[in-house]
Amino acid sequence: MSLWPFILVRTPELKKDQVFINHEKIHARQQIELLIIPFYFWYGIEFLIRLIQYKNRDEAYRDISFEREAYTNEKDLDYLKRSSFWEVMKYF
């Protein structure tokens, strides 16, 4: 879990998982781009909207725009080096 400026992990093994760390770094970038507090507000509101829409927690979580971006690009370890704010906006 990413709580800017920290990445929290459940197990020490996750610290070595580059895909997991990249996924969380993408969330950290999202948090910075939205000035942190608005990120959490938007994330929560969007989750509630998706939960009403799908009536399924997992589907709601996976369809949050921030998660779509992170899951789509988590295996691309260079994504953060070349992504721009406007490129990111395609997920919204």
C-alpha atoms as a PDB file:
ATOM      1  CA  MET A   1       0.000   0.000   0.000  1.00  0.00           C
ATOM      2  CA  SER A   2       1.277   3.436  -0.857  1.00  0.00           C
ATOM      3  CA  LEU A   3       0.753   6.210   1.673  1.00  0.00           C
ATOM      4  CA  TRP A   4       2.934   8.982   0.340  1.00  0.00           C
ATOM      5  CA  PRO A   5       5.880   9.085   0.958  1.00  0.00           C
ATOM      6  CA  PHE A   6       5.857   5.488   2.211  1.00  0.00           C
ATOM      7  CA  ILE A   7       5.196   2.092   0.649  1.00  0.00           C
ATOM      8  CA  LEU A   8       3.828  -0.327   3.235  1.00  0.00           C
ATOM      9  CA  VAL A   9       4.366  -4.066   2.730  1.00  0.00           C
ATOM     10  CA  ARG A  10       2.850  -7.066   4.524  1.00  0.00           C
ATOM     11  CA  THR A  11       5.879  -9.295   4.169  1.00  0.00           C
ATOM     12  CA  PRO A  12       9.608  -8.639   3.679  1.00  0.00           C
ATOM     13  CA  GLU A  13       9.505 -10.639   0.427  1.00  0.00           C
ATOM     14  CA  LEU A  14       7.336  -7.954  -1.185  1.00  0.00           C
ATOM     15  CA  LYS A  15      10.222  -5.487  -0.880  1.00  0.00           C
ATOM     16  CA  LYS A  16      12.012  -7.572  -3.531  1.00  0.00           C
ATOM     17  CA  ASP A  17       9.016  -7.826  -5.874  1.00  0.00           C
ATOM     18  CA  GLN A  18       9.798  -5.246  -8.562  1.00  0.00           C
ATOM     19  CA  VAL A  19       6.329  -5.403 -10.117  1.00  0.00           C
ATOM     20  CA  PHE A  20       4.634  -4.816  -6.752  1.00  0.00           C
ATOM     21  CA  ILE A  21       7.000  -1.945  -5.904  1.00  0.00           C
ATOM     22  CA  ASN A  22       6.474  -0.386  -9.339  1.00  0.00           C
ATOM     23  CA  HIS A  23       2.685  -0.638  -8.884  1.00  0.00           C
ATOM     24  CA  GLU A  24       2.967   1.207  -5.565  1.00  0.00           C
ATOM     25  CA  LYS A  25       5.374   3.792  -6.995  1.00  0.00           C
ATOM     26  CA  ILE A  26       2.767   4.538  -9.666  1.00  0.00           C
ATOM     27  CA  HIS A  27       0.288   5.204  -6.854  1.00  0.00           C
ATOM     28  CA  ALA A  28       2.841   7.439  -5.118  1.00  0.00           C
ATOM     29  CA  ARG A  29       3.199   9.468  -8.332  1.00  0.00           C
ATOM     30  CA  GLN A  30      -0.591   9.703  -8.623  1.00  0.00           C
ATOM     31  CA  GLN A  31      -0.759  10.983  -5.052  1.00  0.00           C
ATOM     32  CA  ILE A  32       1.845  13.669  -5.731  1.00  0.00           C
ATOM     33  CA  GLU A  33       0.173  14.740  -8.984  1.00  0.00           C
ATOM     34  CA  LEU A  34      -3.137  15.219  -7.169  1.00  0.00           C
ATOM     35  CA  LEU A  35      -1.544  16.894  -4.133  1.00  0.00           C
ATOM     36  CA  ILE A  36      -2.068  13.861  -1.869  1.00  0.00           C
ATOM     37  CA  ILE A  37      -5.355  14.608  -0.022  1.00  0.00           C
ATOM     38  CA  PRO A  38      -7.461  15.010  -3.197  1.00  0.00           C
ATOM     39  CA  PHE A  39      -6.075  11.643  -4.368  1.00  0.00           C
ATOM     40  CA  TYR A  40      -7.543   9.846  -1.346  1.00  0.00           C
ATOM     41  CA  PHE A  41     -10.843  11.713  -1.652  1.00  0.00           C
ATOM     42  CA  TRP A  42     -11.138  10.893  -5.388  1.00  0.00           C
ATOM     43  CA  TYR A  43     -10.074   7.270  -4.791  1.00  0.00           C
ATOM     44  CA  GLY A  44     -12.722   6.798  -2.081  1.00  0.00           C
ATOM     45  CA  ILE A  45     -15.522   8.451  -4.037  1.00  0.00           C
ATOM     46  CA  GLU A  46     -14.679   6.514  -7.186  1.00  0.00           C
ATOM     47  CA  PHE A  47     -14.590   3.245  -5.210  1.00  0.00           C
ATOM     48  CA  LEU A  48     -18.055   3.951  -3.766  1.00  0.00           C
ATOM     49  CA  ILE A  49     -19.431   4.782  -7.215  1.00  0.00           C
ATOM     50  CA  ARG A  50     -17.952   1.581  -8.688  1.00  0.00           C
ATOM     51  CA  LEU A  51     -19.243  -0.466  -5.740  1.00  0.00           C
ATOM     52  CA  ILE A  52     -22.774   0.793  -6.390  1.00  0.00           C
ATOM     53  CA  GLN A  53     -22.261   0.155 -10.103  1.00  0.00           C
ATOM     54  CA  TYR A  54     -20.902  -3.405  -9.830  1.00  0.00           C
ATOM     55  CA  LYS A  55     -22.155  -4.511  -6.388  1.00  0.00           C
ATOM     56  CA  ASN A  56     -18.850  -6.360  -6.076  1.00  0.00           C
ATOM     57  CA  ARG A  57     -15.863  -5.123  -4.027  1.00  0.00           C
ATOM     58  CA  ASP A  58     -13.180  -6.694  -6.201  1.00  0.00           C
ATOM     59  CA  GLU A  59     -14.650  -5.413  -9.457  1.00  0.00           C
ATOM     60  CA  ALA A  60     -15.140  -1.974  -7.942  1.00  0.00           C
ATOM     61  CA  TYR A  61     -11.525  -1.881  -6.749  1.00  0.00           C
ATOM     62  CA  ARG A  62     -10.097  -3.080 -10.082  1.00  0.00           C
ATOM     63  CA  ASP A  63     -12.069  -0.481 -12.054  1.00  0.00           C
ATOM     64  CA  ILE A  64     -10.892   2.549 -10.079  1.00  0.00           C
ATOM     65  CA  SER A  65      -9.027   4.701 -12.609  1.00  0.00           C
ATOM     66  CA  PHE A  66      -5.901   4.817 -10.419  1.00  0.00           C
ATOM     67  CA  GLU A  67      -5.836   1.023 -10.186  1.00  0.00           C
ATOM     68  CA  ARG A  68      -6.387   0.585 -13.926  1.00  0.00           C
ATOM     69  CA  GLU A  69      -3.341   2.745 -14.605  1.00  0.00           C
ATOM     70  CA  ALA A  70      -1.205   0.949 -12.001  1.00  0.00           C
ATOM     71  CA  TYR A  71      -2.200  -2.580 -13.074  1.00  0.00           C
ATOM     72  CA  THR A  72      -1.816  -1.769 -16.780  1.00  0.00           C
ATOM     73  CA  ASN A  73       1.710  -0.431 -16.305  1.00  0.00           C
ATOM     74  CA  GLU A  74       3.084  -2.272 -13.264  1.00  0.00           C
ATOM     75  CA  LYS A  75       5.266  -4.626 -15.363  1.00  0.00           C
ATOM     76  CA  ASP A  76       6.758  -1.720 -17.336  1.00  0.00           C
ATOM     77  CA  LEU A  77       9.572  -0.740 -14.989  1.00  0.00           C
ATOM     78  CA  ASP A  78      10.364   2.341 -17.127  1.00  0.00           C
ATOM     79  CA  TYR A  79       6.787   3.643 -17.106  1.00  0.00           C
ATOM     80  CA  LEU A  80       7.394   6.322 -14.484  1.00  0.00           C
ATOM     81  CA  LYS A  81      10.488   7.594 -16.293  1.00  0.00           C
ATOM     82  CA  ARG A  82       8.561   8.443 -19.438  1.00  0.00           C
ATOM     83  CA  SER A  83       4.966   9.002 -18.343  1.00  0.00           C
ATOM     84  CA  SER A  84       3.560  12.491 -18.320  1.00  0.00           C
ATOM     85  CA  PHE A  85       0.508  13.958 -16.636  1.00  0.00           C
ATOM     86  CA  TRP A  86      -1.350  14.044 -19.964  1.00  0.00           C
ATOM     87  CA  GLU A  87      -0.515  10.428 -20.778  1.00  0.00           C
ATOM     88  CA  VAL A  88      -1.907   9.420 -17.405  1.00  0.00           C
ATOM     89  CA  MET A  89      -5.188  11.261 -18.068  1.00  0.00           C
ATOM     90  CA  LYS A  90      -6.238   8.593 -20.592  1.00  0.00           C
ATOM     91  CA  TYR A  91      -7.170   6.344 -17.634  1.00  0.00           C
ATOM     92  CA  PHE A  92      -9.810   8.797 -16.405  1.00  0.00           C
END
